[in-house]
Amino acid sequence: CGPEVPEAMRAAWILKKEKGIESRVLNIHTVKPLDKEAIIKAASEVEVVVTAEEHQKGGFGSLIAAAIMEANLPKVPKFAMIGVADRFGESGFPWELMKAFGLTAEYIAKKVLELV
């Protein structure tokens, strides 16, 4: 949910078009209750999990990481969190801020490629 979903969808398109990499986007629209079943199913079928949140990284990404780890999967996927680093905020147009904080589709795709 939120502005990172379209960015994640674009990242999936970039990965497919430019690198031939199949990926999926899981839209987690609530954190309470957290759809652990969907998260664990997806994590068990992929090699890499990247979470993206449009605020300080850690909250959403940490919930996803905990759900995956608690599932004791036979093969745990590589994992990365994308979000705003701990720093002072800025003012600007949303698209400028997304780029400044590394929240764009291009950055998401780059992070996936680093882990593949």
PDB file of N, CA and C in Angstrom:
ATOM      1  N   CYS A   1       0.850  -1.175   0.000  1.00  0.00           N
ATOM      2  CA  CYS A   1       0.000   0.000   0.000  1.00  0.00           C
ATOM      3  C   CYS A   1       0.892   1.233   0.000  1.00  0.00           C
ATOM      4  N   GLY A   2       0.407   2.292  -0.488  1.00  0.00           N
ATOM      5  CA  GLY A   2       1.177   3.521  -0.479  1.00  0.00           C
ATOM      6  C   GLY A   2       1.986   3.714  -1.743  1.00  0.00           C
ATOM      7  N   PRO A   3       2.776   4.775  -1.771  1.00  0.00           N
ATOM      8  CA  PRO A   3       3.497   5.143  -2.988  1.00  0.00           C
ATOM      9  C   PRO A   3       4.605   4.176  -3.396  1.00  0.00           C
ATOM     10  N   GLU A   4       5.018   3.298  -2.529  1.00  0.00           N
ATOM     11  CA  GLU A   4       6.072   2.356  -2.902  1.00  0.00           C
ATOM     12  C   GLU A   4       5.553   1.198  -3.757  1.00  0.00           C
ATOM     13  N   VAL A   5       4.260   0.930  -3.724  1.00  0.00           N
ATOM     14  CA  VAL A   5       3.731  -0.174  -4.539  1.00  0.00           C
ATOM     15  C   VAL A   5       3.929   0.094  -6.032  1.00  0.00           C
ATOM     16  N   PRO A   6       3.536   1.272  -6.549  1.00  0.00           N
ATOM     17  CA  PRO A   6       3.801   1.520  -7.974  1.00  0.00           C
ATOM     18  C   PRO A   6       5.298   1.499  -8.304  1.00  0.00           C
ATOM     19  N   GLU A   7       6.119   1.978  -7.383  1.00  0.00           N
ATOM     20  CA  GLU A   7       7.571   1.939  -7.612  1.00  0.00           C
ATOM     21  C   GLU A   7       8.054   0.492  -7.667  1.00  0.00           C
ATOM     22  N   ALA A   8       7.548  -0.348  -6.790  1.00  0.00           N
ATOM     23  CA  ALA A   8       7.919  -1.765  -6.799  1.00  0.00           C
ATOM     24  C   ALA A   8       7.450  -2.437  -8.088  1.00  0.00           C
ATOM     25  N   MET A   9       6.263  -2.073  -8.558  1.00  0.00           N
ATOM     26  CA  MET A   9       5.758  -2.630  -9.820  1.00  0.00           C
ATOM     27  C   MET A   9       6.658  -2.210 -10.985  1.00  0.00           C
ATOM     28  N   ARG A  10       7.067  -0.950 -10.992  1.00  0.00           N
ATOM     29  CA  ARG A  10       7.983  -0.477 -12.041  1.00  0.00           C
ATOM     30  C   ARG A  10       9.331  -1.189 -11.936  1.00  0.00           C
ATOM     31  N   ALA A  11       9.802  -1.411 -10.713  1.00  0.00           N
ATOM     32  CA  ALA A  11      11.072  -2.126 -10.521  1.00  0.00           C
ATOM     33  C   ALA A  11      10.979  -3.539 -11.092  1.00  0.00           C
ATOM     34  N   ALA A  12       9.861  -4.206 -10.856  1.00  0.00           N
ATOM     35  CA  ALA A  12       9.654  -5.554 -11.402  1.00  0.00           C
ATOM     36  C   ALA A  12       9.700  -5.520 -12.925  1.00  0.00           C
ATOM     37  N   TRP A  13       9.102  -4.498 -13.510  1.00  0.00           N
ATOM     38  CA  TRP A  13       9.104  -4.347 -14.966  1.00  0.00           C
ATOM     39  C   TRP A  13      10.531  -4.106 -15.469  1.00  0.00           C
ATOM     40  N   ILE A  14      11.275  -3.245 -14.773  1.00  0.00           N
ATOM     41  CA  ILE A  14      12.666  -2.965 -15.144  1.00  0.00           C
ATOM     42  C   ILE A  14      13.496  -4.250 -15.090  1.00  0.00           C
ATOM     43  N   LEU A  15      13.353  -5.010 -14.024  1.00  0.00           N
ATOM     44  CA  LEU A  15      14.116  -6.250 -13.873  1.00  0.00           C
ATOM     45  C   LEU A  15      13.807  -7.235 -14.992  1.00  0.00           C
ATOM     46  N   LYS A  16      12.547  -7.341 -15.369  1.00  0.00           N
ATOM     47  CA  LYS A  16      12.140  -8.263 -16.436  1.00  0.00           C
ATOM     48  C   LYS A  16      12.652  -7.779 -17.789  1.00  0.00           C
ATOM     49  N   LYS A  17      12.425  -6.499 -18.076  1.00  0.00           N
ATOM     50  CA  LYS A  17      12.767  -5.955 -19.393  1.00  0.00           C
ATOM     51  C   LYS A  17      14.279  -5.891 -19.616  1.00  0.00           C
ATOM     52  N   GLU A  18      15.015  -5.414 -18.621  1.00  0.00           N
ATOM     53  CA  GLU A  18      16.438  -5.167 -18.810  1.00  0.00           C
ATOM     54  C   GLU A  18      17.329  -6.356 -18.458  1.00  0.00           C
ATOM     55  N   LYS A  19      16.881  -7.217 -17.537  1.00  0.00           N
ATOM     56  CA  LYS A  19      17.736  -8.313 -17.078  1.00  0.00           C
ATOM     57  C   LYS A  19      17.109  -9.695 -17.235  1.00  0.00           C
ATOM     58  N   GLY A  20      15.835  -9.744 -17.652  1.00  0.00           N
ATOM     59  CA  GLY A  20      15.160 -11.028 -17.797  1.00  0.00           C
ATOM     60  C   GLY A  20      14.865 -11.710 -16.473  1.00  0.00           C
ATOM     61  N   ILE A  21      14.840 -10.942 -15.399  1.00  0.00           N
ATOM     62  CA  ILE A  21      14.615 -11.493 -14.062  1.00  0.00           C
ATOM     63  C   ILE A  21      13.136 -11.430 -13.713  1.00  0.00           C
ATOM     64  N   GLU A  22      12.575 -12.589 -13.397  1.00  0.00           N
ATOM     65  CA  GLU A  22      11.187 -12.652 -12.937  1.00  0.00           C
ATOM     66  C   GLU A  22      11.140 -12.242 -11.469  1.00  0.00           C
ATOM     67  N   SER A  23      10.132 -11.470 -11.113  1.00  0.00           N
ATOM     68  CA  SER A  23       9.982 -11.061  -9.713  1.00  0.00           C
ATOM     69  C   SER A  23       8.498 -10.944  -9.406  1.00  0.00           C
ATOM     70  N   ARG A  24       8.215 -10.671  -8.170  1.00  0.00           N
ATOM     71  CA  ARG A  24       6.825 -10.475  -7.774  1.00  0.00           C
ATOM     72  C   ARG A  24       6.762  -9.328  -6.787  1.00  0.00           C
ATOM     73  N   VAL A  25       5.601  -8.706  -6.728  1.00  0.00           N
ATOM     74  CA  VAL A  25       5.358  -7.628  -5.768  1.00  0.00           C
ATOM     75  C   VAL A  25       4.224  -8.078  -4.869  1.00  0.00           C
ATOM     76  N   LEU A  26       4.471  -8.065  -3.591  1.00  0.00           N
ATOM     77  CA  LEU A  26       3.462  -8.428  -2.602  1.00  0.00           C
ATOM     78  C   LEU A  26       3.029  -7.142  -1.914  1.00  0.00           C
ATOM     79  N   ASN A  27       1.777  -6.771  -2.100  1.00  0.00           N
ATOM     80  CA  ASN A  27       1.246  -5.535  -1.517  1.00  0.00           C
ATOM     81  C   ASN A  27       0.690  -5.851  -0.134  1.00  0.00           C
ATOM     82  N   ILE A  28       1.439  -5.496   0.888  1.00  0.00           N
ATOM     83  CA  ILE A  28       0.995  -5.709   2.271  1.00  0.00           C
ATOM     84  C   ILE A  28       0.287  -4.432   2.705  1.00  0.00           C
ATOM     85  N   HIS A  29      -1.024  -4.450   2.698  1.00  0.00           N
ATOM     86  CA  HIS A  29      -1.786  -3.226   2.947  1.00  0.00           C
ATOM     87  C   HIS A  29      -2.081  -2.971   4.410  1.00  0.00           C
ATOM     88  N   THR A  30      -1.820  -3.940   5.286  1.00  0.00           N
ATOM     89  CA  THR A  30      -1.977  -3.714   6.726  1.00  0.00           C
ATOM     90  C   THR A  30      -0.830  -4.396   7.461  1.00  0.00           C
ATOM     91  N   VAL A  31      -0.420  -3.798   8.565  1.00  0.00           N
ATOM     92  CA  VAL A  31       0.594  -4.452   9.392  1.00  0.00           C
ATOM     93  C   VAL A  31      -0.036  -5.105  10.616  1.00  0.00           C
ATOM     94  N   LYS A  32      -1.255  -4.730  10.911  1.00  0.00           N
ATOM     95  CA  LYS A  32      -2.023  -5.364  11.999  1.00  0.00           C
ATOM     96  C   LYS A  32      -3.432  -5.566  11.490  1.00  0.00           C
ATOM     97  N   PRO A  33      -3.859  -6.746  11.194  1.00  0.00           N
ATOM     98  CA  PRO A  33      -3.067  -7.975  11.256  1.00  0.00           C
ATOM     99  C   PRO A  33      -2.120  -8.082  10.057  1.00  0.00           C
ATOM    100  N   LEU A  34      -0.971  -8.656  10.296  1.00  0.00           N
ATOM    101  CA  LEU A  34       0.016  -8.886   9.248  1.00  0.00           C
ATOM    102  C   LEU A  34      -0.303 -10.216   8.573  1.00  0.00           C
ATOM    103  N   ASP A  35      -0.346 -10.205   7.257  1.00  0.00           N
ATOM    104  CA  ASP A  35      -0.659 -11.425   6.506  1.00  0.00           C
ATOM    105  C   ASP A  35       0.586 -12.312   6.432  1.00  0.00           C
ATOM    106  N   LYS A  36       0.910 -12.943   7.554  1.00  0.00           N
ATOM    107  CA  LYS A  36       2.116 -13.771   7.635  1.00  0.00           C
ATOM    108  C   LYS A  36       2.074 -14.936   6.658  1.00  0.00           C
ATOM    109  N   GLU A  37       0.897 -15.473   6.440  1.00  0.00           N
ATOM    110  CA  GLU A  37       0.770 -16.609   5.523  1.00  0.00           C
ATOM    111  C   GLU A  37       1.242 -16.233   4.118  1.00  0.00           C
ATOM    112  N   ALA A  38       0.794 -15.093   3.617  1.00  0.00           N
ATOM    113  CA  ALA A  38       1.201 -14.643   2.279  1.00  0.00           C
ATOM    114  C   ALA A  38       2.696 -14.332   2.237  1.00  0.00           C
ATOM    115  N   ILE A  39       3.197 -13.720   3.296  1.00  0.00           N
ATOM    116  CA  ILE A  39       4.616 -13.364   3.361  1.00  0.00           C
ATOM    117  C   ILE A  39       5.481 -14.619   3.362  1.00  0.00           C
ATOM    118  N   ILE A  40       5.134 -15.582   4.188  1.00  0.00           N
ATOM    119  CA  ILE A  40       5.920 -16.816   4.293  1.00  0.00           C
ATOM    120  C   ILE A  40       5.847 -17.613   2.995  1.00  0.00           C
ATOM    121  N   LYS A  41       4.667 -17.675   2.389  1.00  0.00           N
ATOM    122  CA  LYS A  41       4.523 -18.381   1.111  1.00  0.00           C
ATOM    123  C   LYS A  41       5.427 -17.747   0.060  1.00  0.00           C
ATOM    124  N   ALA A  42       5.368 -16.422  -0.053  1.00  0.00           N
ATOM    125  CA  ALA A  42       6.201 -15.727  -1.038  1.00  0.00           C
ATOM    126  C   ALA A  42       7.684 -15.923  -0.736  1.00  0.00           C
ATOM    127  N   ALA A  43       8.070 -15.778   0.524  1.00  0.00           N
ATOM    128  CA  ALA A  43       9.484 -15.905   0.904  1.00  0.00           C
ATOM    129  C   ALA A  43      10.018 -17.305   0.637  1.00  0.00           C
ATOM    130  N   SER A  44       9.157 -18.309   0.734  1.00  0.00           N
ATOM    131  CA  SER A  44       9.604 -19.685   0.501  1.00  0.00           C
ATOM    132  C   SER A  44       9.779 -19.991  -0.984  1.00  0.00           C
ATOM    133  N   GLU A  45       9.307 -19.103  -1.841  1.00  0.00           N
ATOM    134  CA  GLU A  45       9.356 -19.336  -3.288  1.00  0.00           C
ATOM    135  C   GLU A  45      10.364 -18.450  -4.018  1.00  0.00           C
ATOM    136  N   VAL A  46      11.085 -17.604  -3.286  1.00  0.00           N
ATOM    137  CA  VAL A  46      12.013 -16.669  -3.923  1.00  0.00           C
ATOM    138  C   VAL A  46      13.399 -16.764  -3.288  1.00  0.00           C
ATOM    139  N   GLU A  47      14.380 -16.178  -3.956  1.00  0.00           N
ATOM    140  CA  GLU A  47      15.745 -16.153  -3.436  1.00  0.00           C
ATOM    141  C   GLU A  47      16.068 -14.847  -2.722  1.00  0.00           C
ATOM    142  N   VAL A  48      15.314 -13.794  -3.041  1.00  0.00           N
ATOM    143  CA  VAL A  48      15.590 -12.458  -2.507  1.00  0.00           C
ATOM    144  C   VAL A  48      14.285 -11.802  -2.089  1.00  0.00           C
ATOM    145  N   VAL A  49      14.287 -11.148  -0.932  1.00  0.00           N
ATOM    146  CA  VAL A  49      13.154 -10.336  -0.482  1.00  0.00           C
ATOM    147  C   VAL A  49      13.677  -8.924  -0.238  1.00  0.00           C
ATOM    148  N   VAL A  50      13.027  -7.948  -0.854  1.00  0.00           N
ATOM    149  CA  VAL A  50      13.361  -6.542  -0.629  1.00  0.00           C
ATOM    150  C   VAL A  50      12.087  -5.838  -0.210  1.00  0.00           C
ATOM    151  N   THR A  51      12.118  -5.193   0.954  1.00  0.00           N
ATOM    152  CA  THR A  51      10.964  -4.414   1.396  1.00  0.00           C
ATOM    153  C   THR A  51      11.222  -2.951   1.072  1.00  0.00           C
ATOM    154  N   ALA A  52      10.148  -2.219   0.800  1.00  0.00           N
ATOM    155  CA  ALA A  52      10.266  -0.792   0.488  1.00  0.00           C
ATOM    156  C   ALA A  52       9.207  -0.031   1.269  1.00  0.00           C
ATOM    157  N   GLU A  53       9.647   0.984   1.988  1.00  0.00           N
ATOM    158  CA  GLU A  53       8.723   1.816   2.760  1.00  0.00           C
ATOM    159  C   GLU A  53       9.108   3.276   2.587  1.00  0.00           C
ATOM    160  N   GLU A  54       8.113   4.158   2.545  1.00  0.00           N
ATOM    161  CA  GLU A  54       8.362   5.565   2.247  1.00  0.00           C
ATOM    162  C   GLU A  54       8.591   6.404   3.498  1.00  0.00           C
ATOM    163  N   HIS A  55       9.144   5.797   4.502  1.00  0.00           N
ATOM    164  CA  HIS A  55       9.504   6.500   5.737  1.00  0.00           C
ATOM    165  C   HIS A  55      10.771   5.838   6.271  1.00  0.00           C
ATOM    166  N   GLN A  56      11.172   6.164   7.497  1.00  0.00           N
ATOM    167  CA  GLN A  56      12.392   5.564   8.037  1.00  0.00           C
ATOM    168  C   GLN A  56      12.320   4.047   7.912  1.00  0.00           C
ATOM    169  N   LYS A  57      13.402   3.481   7.389  1.00  0.00           N
ATOM    170  CA  LYS A  57      13.400   2.029   7.232  1.00  0.00           C
ATOM    171  C   LYS A  57      13.506   1.353   8.584  1.00  0.00           C
ATOM    172  N   GLY A  58      12.914   0.207   8.651  1.00  0.00           N
ATOM    173  CA  GLY A  58      13.000  -0.570   9.874  1.00  0.00           C
ATOM    174  C   GLY A  58      11.665  -1.068  10.374  1.00  0.00           C
ATOM    175  N   GLY A  59      10.667  -0.232  10.423  1.00  0.00           N
ATOM    176  CA  GLY A  59       9.383  -0.659  10.977  1.00  0.00           C
ATOM    177  C   GLY A  59       8.748  -1.782  10.180  1.00  0.00           C
ATOM    178  N   PHE A  60       8.362  -1.470   8.960  1.00  0.00           N
ATOM    179  CA  PHE A  60       7.720  -2.448   8.082  1.00  0.00           C
ATOM    180  C   PHE A  60       8.694  -3.575   7.734  1.00  0.00           C
ATOM    181  N   GLY A  61       9.893  -3.196   7.319  1.00  0.00           N
ATOM    182  CA  GLY A  61      10.884  -4.195   6.938  1.00  0.00           C
ATOM    183  C   GLY A  61      11.211  -5.159   8.063  1.00  0.00           C
ATOM    184  N   SER A  62      11.285  -4.640   9.281  1.00  0.00           N
ATOM    185  CA  SER A  62      11.580  -5.492  10.437  1.00  0.00           C
ATOM    186  C   SER A  62      10.454  -6.477  10.710  1.00  0.00           C
ATOM    187  N   LEU A  63       9.212  -6.043  10.517  1.00  0.00           N
ATOM    188  CA  LEU A  63       8.074  -6.954  10.688  1.00  0.00           C
ATOM    189  C   LEU A  63       8.137  -8.096   9.676  1.00  0.00           C
ATOM    190  N   ILE A  64       8.464  -7.759   8.436  1.00  0.00           N
ATOM    191  CA  ILE A  64       8.554  -8.777   7.390  1.00  0.00           C
ATOM    192  C   ILE A  64       9.707  -9.736   7.696  1.00  0.00           C
ATOM    193  N   ALA A  65      10.859  -9.187   8.078  1.00  0.00           N
ATOM    194  CA  ALA A  65      12.016 -10.025   8.413  1.00  0.00           C
ATOM    195  C   ALA A  65      11.691 -10.969   9.563  1.00  0.00           C
ATOM    196  N   ALA A  66      11.022 -10.457  10.584  1.00  0.00           N
ATOM    197  CA  ALA A  66      10.668 -11.293  11.736  1.00  0.00           C
ATOM    198  C   ALA A  66       9.721 -12.413  11.325  1.00  0.00           C
ATOM    199  N   ALA A  67       8.742 -12.103  10.490  1.00  0.00           N
ATOM    200  CA  ALA A  67       7.796 -13.131  10.038  1.00  0.00           C
ATOM    201  C   ALA A  67       8.527 -14.239   9.288  1.00  0.00           C
ATOM    202  N   ILE A  68       9.476 -13.854   8.441  1.00  0.00           N
ATOM    203  CA  ILE A  68      10.234 -14.843   7.673  1.00  0.00           C
ATOM    204  C   ILE A  68      11.111 -15.689   8.599  1.00  0.00           C
ATOM    205  N   MET A  69      11.801 -15.044   9.516  1.00  0.00           N
ATOM    206  CA  MET A  69      12.700 -15.776  10.418  1.00  0.00           C
ATOM    207  C   MET A  69      11.935 -16.708  11.353  1.00  0.00           C
ATOM    208  N   GLU A  70      10.791 -16.253  11.854  1.00  0.00           N
ATOM    209  CA  GLU A  70       9.994 -17.079  12.765  1.00  0.00           C
ATOM    210  C   GLU A  70       9.414 -18.308  12.077  1.00  0.00           C
ATOM    211  N   ALA A  71       9.325 -18.267  10.751  1.00  0.00           N
ATOM    212  CA  ALA A  71       8.774 -19.402  10.004  1.00  0.00           C
ATOM    213  C   ALA A  71       9.765 -20.562   9.904  1.00  0.00           C
ATOM    214  N   ASN A  72      11.033 -20.310  10.227  1.00  0.00           N
ATOM    215  CA  ASN A  72      12.066 -21.352  10.147  1.00  0.00           C
ATOM    216  C   ASN A  72      12.062 -22.057   8.790  1.00  0.00           C
ATOM    217  N   LEU A  73      12.104 -21.267   7.737  1.00  0.00           N
ATOM    218  CA  LEU A  73      12.118 -21.822   6.387  1.00  0.00           C
ATOM    219  C   LEU A  73      13.385 -22.638   6.165  1.00  0.00           C
ATOM    220  N   PRO A  74      13.296 -23.711   5.367  1.00  0.00           N
ATOM    221  CA  PRO A  74      14.493 -24.508   5.091  1.00  0.00           C
ATOM    222  C   PRO A  74      15.570 -23.694   4.369  1.00  0.00           C
ATOM    223  N   LYS A  75      15.142 -22.761   3.520  1.00  0.00           N
ATOM    224  CA  LYS A  75      16.083 -21.887   2.814  1.00  0.00           C
ATOM    225  C   LYS A  75      15.590 -20.453   2.987  1.00  0.00           C
ATOM    226  N   VAL A  76      16.351 -19.667   3.717  1.00  0.00           N
ATOM    227  CA  VAL A  76      15.968 -18.279   3.984  1.00  0.00           C
ATOM    228  C   VAL A  76      16.466 -17.403   2.838  1.00  0.00           C
ATOM    229  N   PRO A  77      15.583 -16.584   2.253  1.00  0.00           N
ATOM    230  CA  PRO A  77      16.017 -15.720   1.155  1.00  0.00           C
ATOM    231  C   PRO A  77      16.931 -14.598   1.650  1.00  0.00           C
ATOM    232  N   LYS A  78      17.764 -14.089   0.742  1.00  0.00           N
ATOM    233  CA  LYS A  78      18.529 -12.884   1.050  1.00  0.00           C
ATOM    234  C   LYS A  78      17.520 -11.769   1.292  1.00  0.00           C
ATOM    235  N   PHE A  79      17.892 -10.785   2.101  1.00  0.00           N
ATOM    236  CA  PHE A  79      16.916  -9.789   2.543  1.00  0.00           C
ATOM    237  C   PHE A  79      17.538  -8.397   2.581  1.00  0.00           C
ATOM    238  N   ALA A  80      16.763  -7.404   2.152  1.00  0.00           N
ATOM    239  CA  ALA A  80      17.189  -6.004   2.245  1.00  0.00           C
ATOM    240  C   ALA A  80      15.972  -5.131   2.492  1.00  0.00           C
ATOM    241  N   MET A  81      16.200  -4.023   3.184  1.00  0.00           N
ATOM    242  CA  MET A  81      15.146  -3.043   3.443  1.00  0.00           C
ATOM    243  C   MET A  81      15.491  -1.739   2.739  1.00  0.00           C
ATOM    244  N   ILE A  82      14.506  -1.184   2.047  1.00  0.00           N
ATOM    245  CA  ILE A  82      14.651   0.131   1.436  1.00  0.00           C
ATOM    246  C   ILE A  82      13.725   1.079   2.170  1.00  0.00           C
ATOM    247  N   GLY A  83      14.256   2.222   2.528  1.00  0.00           N
ATOM    248  CA  GLY A  83      13.488   3.249   3.224  1.00  0.00           C
ATOM    249  C   GLY A  83      14.379   4.448   3.458  1.00  0.00           C
ATOM    250  N   VAL A  84      13.840   5.432   4.114  1.00  0.00           N
ATOM    251  CA  VAL A  84      14.594   6.649   4.386  1.00  0.00           C
ATOM    252  C   VAL A  84      15.644   6.341   5.452  1.00  0.00           C
ATOM    253  N   ALA A  85      16.895   6.694   5.171  1.00  0.00           N
ATOM    254  CA  ALA A  85      17.971   6.505   6.145  1.00  0.00           C
ATOM    255  C   ALA A  85      17.763   7.476   7.305  1.00  0.00           C
ATOM    256  N   ASP A  86      18.376   7.167   8.420  1.00  0.00           N
ATOM    257  CA  ASP A  86      18.280   8.058   9.578  1.00  0.00           C
ATOM    258  C   ASP A  86      19.029   9.353   9.280  1.00  0.00           C
ATOM    259  N   ARG A  87      18.277  10.350   8.891  1.00  0.00           N
ATOM    260  CA  ARG A  87      18.833  11.667   8.607  1.00  0.00           C
ATOM    261  C   ARG A  87      17.707  12.675   8.663  1.00  0.00           C
ATOM    262  N   PHE A  88      18.058  13.918   8.646  1.00  0.00           N
ATOM    263  CA  PHE A  88      17.038  14.956   8.662  1.00  0.00           C
ATOM    264  C   PHE A  88      16.291  14.954   7.339  1.00  0.00           C
ATOM    265  N   GLY A  89      15.016  15.256   7.396  1.00  0.00           N
ATOM    266  CA  GLY A  89      14.183  15.298   6.205  1.00  0.00           C
ATOM    267  C   GLY A  89      14.460  16.517   5.352  1.00  0.00           C
ATOM    268  N   GLU A  90      13.801  16.555   4.224  1.00  0.00           N
ATOM    269  CA  GLU A  90      13.922  17.665   3.285  1.00  0.00           C
ATOM    270  C   GLU A  90      12.529  18.045   2.823  1.00  0.00           C
ATOM    271  N   SER A  91      12.439  19.198   2.206  1.00  0.00           N
ATOM    272  CA  SER A  91      11.185  19.628   1.593  1.00  0.00           C
ATOM    273  C   SER A  91      11.347  19.561   0.087  1.00  0.00           C
ATOM    274  N   GLY A  92      10.253  19.288  -0.592  1.00  0.00           N
ATOM    275  CA  GLY A  92      10.301  19.237  -2.046  1.00  0.00           C
ATOM    276  C   GLY A  92       9.103  18.505  -2.603  1.00  0.00           C
ATOM    277  N   PHE A  93       9.065  18.413  -3.912  1.00  0.00           N
ATOM    278  CA  PHE A  93       8.006  17.667  -4.571  1.00  0.00           C
ATOM    279  C   PHE A  93       8.197  16.178  -4.269  1.00  0.00           C
ATOM    280  N   PRO A  94       7.102  15.428  -4.192  1.00  0.00           N
ATOM    281  CA  PRO A  94       7.224  14.003  -3.855  1.00  0.00           C
ATOM    282  C   PRO A  94       8.211  13.243  -4.735  1.00  0.00           C
ATOM    283  N   TRP A  95       8.184  13.476  -6.045  1.00  0.00           N
ATOM    284  CA  TRP A  95       9.077  12.744  -6.941  1.00  0.00           C
ATOM    285  C   TRP A  95      10.539  13.122  -6.691  1.00  0.00           C
ATOM    286  N   GLU A  96      10.791  14.363  -6.270  1.00  0.00           N
ATOM    287  CA  GLU A  96      12.157  14.766  -5.940  1.00  0.00           C
ATOM    288  C   GLU A  96      12.632  14.068  -4.663  1.00  0.00           C
ATOM    289  N   LEU A  97      11.734  13.998  -3.690  1.00  0.00           N
ATOM    290  CA  LEU A  97      12.082  13.364  -2.421  1.00  0.00           C
ATOM    291  C   LEU A  97      12.280  11.861  -2.581  1.00  0.00           C
ATOM    292  N   MET A  98      11.444  11.230  -3.408  1.00  0.00           N
ATOM    293  CA  MET A  98      11.595   9.791  -3.656  1.00  0.00           C
ATOM    294  C   MET A  98      12.993   9.511  -4.216  1.00  0.00           C
ATOM    295  N   LYS A  99      13.424  10.351  -5.144  1.00  0.00           N
ATOM    296  CA  LYS A  99      14.751  10.177  -5.735  1.00  0.00           C
ATOM    297  C   LYS A  99      15.846  10.484  -4.714  1.00  0.00           C
ATOM    298  N   ALA A 100      15.693  11.569  -3.959  1.00  0.00           N
ATOM    299  CA  ALA A 100      16.704  11.973  -2.975  1.00  0.00           C
ATOM    300  C   ALA A 100      16.909  10.912  -1.899  1.00  0.00           C
ATOM    301  N   PHE A 101      15.841  10.222  -1.530  1.00  0.00           N
ATOM    302  CA  PHE A 101      15.928   9.232  -0.455  1.00  0.00           C
ATOM    303  C   PHE A 101      16.091   7.797  -0.965  1.00  0.00           C
ATOM    304  N   GLY A 102      16.261   7.621  -2.273  1.00  0.00           N
ATOM    305  CA  GLY A 102      16.481   6.280  -2.816  1.00  0.00           C
ATOM    306  C   GLY A 102      15.261   5.387  -2.748  1.00  0.00           C
ATOM    307  N   LEU A 103      14.092   5.942  -3.065  1.00  0.00           N
ATOM    308  CA  LEU A 103      12.847   5.181  -2.977  1.00  0.00           C
ATOM    309  C   LEU A 103      12.227   4.908  -4.350  1.00  0.00           C
ATOM    310  N   THR A 104      13.003   5.086  -5.403  1.00  0.00           N
ATOM    311  CA  THR A 104      12.482   4.936  -6.758  1.00  0.00           C
ATOM    312  C   THR A 104      12.585   3.493  -7.257  1.00  0.00           C
ATOM    313  N   ALA A 105      11.874   3.227  -8.338  1.00  0.00           N
ATOM    314  CA  ALA A 105      11.912   1.901  -8.963  1.00  0.00           C
ATOM    315  C   ALA A 105      13.333   1.526  -9.361  1.00  0.00           C
ATOM    316  N   GLU A 106      14.063   2.494  -9.866  1.00  0.00           N
ATOM    317  CA  GLU A 106      15.434   2.225 -10.294  1.00  0.00           C
ATOM    318  C   GLU A 106      16.300   1.773  -9.111  1.00  0.00           C
ATOM    319  N   TYR A 107      16.116   2.410  -7.964  1.00  0.00           N
ATOM    320  CA  TYR A 107      16.895   2.032  -6.784  1.00  0.00           C
ATOM    321  C   TYR A 107      16.466   0.649  -6.277  1.00  0.00           C
ATOM    322  N   ILE A 108      15.167   0.387  -6.294  1.00  0.00           N
ATOM    323  CA  ILE A 108      14.679  -0.928  -5.865  1.00  0.00           C
ATOM    324  C   ILE A 108      15.273  -2.018  -6.760  1.00  0.00           C
ATOM    325  N   ALA A 109      15.228  -1.804  -8.080  1.00  0.00           N
ATOM    326  CA  ALA A 109      15.789  -2.782  -9.019  1.00  0.00           C
ATOM    327  C   ALA A 109      17.286  -2.968  -8.776  1.00  0.00           C
ATOM    328  N   LYS A 110      17.995  -1.880  -8.539  1.00  0.00           N
ATOM    329  CA  LYS A 110      19.436  -1.950  -8.261  1.00  0.00           C
ATOM    330  C   LYS A 110      19.706  -2.784  -7.010  1.00  0.00           C
ATOM    331  N   LYS A 111      18.913  -2.590  -5.977  1.00  0.00           N
ATOM    332  CA  LYS A 111      19.088  -3.340  -4.724  1.00  0.00           C
ATOM    333  C   LYS A 111      18.859  -4.835  -4.960  1.00  0.00           C
ATOM    334  N   VAL A 112      17.837  -5.170  -5.744  1.00  0.00           N
ATOM    335  CA  VAL A 112      17.579  -6.581  -6.065  1.00  0.00           C
ATOM    336  C   VAL A 112      18.781  -7.173  -6.796  1.00  0.00           C
ATOM    337  N   LEU A 113      19.300  -6.441  -7.777  1.00  0.00           N
ATOM    338  CA  LEU A 113      20.437  -6.941  -8.554  1.00  0.00           C
ATOM    339  C   LEU A 113      21.677  -7.147  -7.688  1.00  0.00           C
ATOM    340  N   GLU A 114      21.847  -6.337  -6.652  1.00  0.00           N
ATOM    341  CA  GLU A 114      22.977  -6.512  -5.738  1.00  0.00           C
ATOM    342  C   GLU A 114      22.881  -7.838  -4.980  1.00  0.00           C
ATOM    343  N   LEU A 115      21.663  -8.319  -4.784  1.00  0.00           N
ATOM    344  CA  LEU A 115      21.449  -9.524  -3.982  1.00  0.00           C
ATOM    345  C   LEU A 115      21.328 -10.808  -4.798  1.00  0.00           C
ATOM    346  N   VAL A 116      21.061 -10.661  -6.089  1.00  0.00           N
ATOM    347  CA  VAL A 116      20.857 -11.844  -6.940  1.00  0.00           C
ATOM    348  C   VAL A 116      22.189 -12.511  -7.232  1.00  0.00           C
TER     349      VAL A 116
END
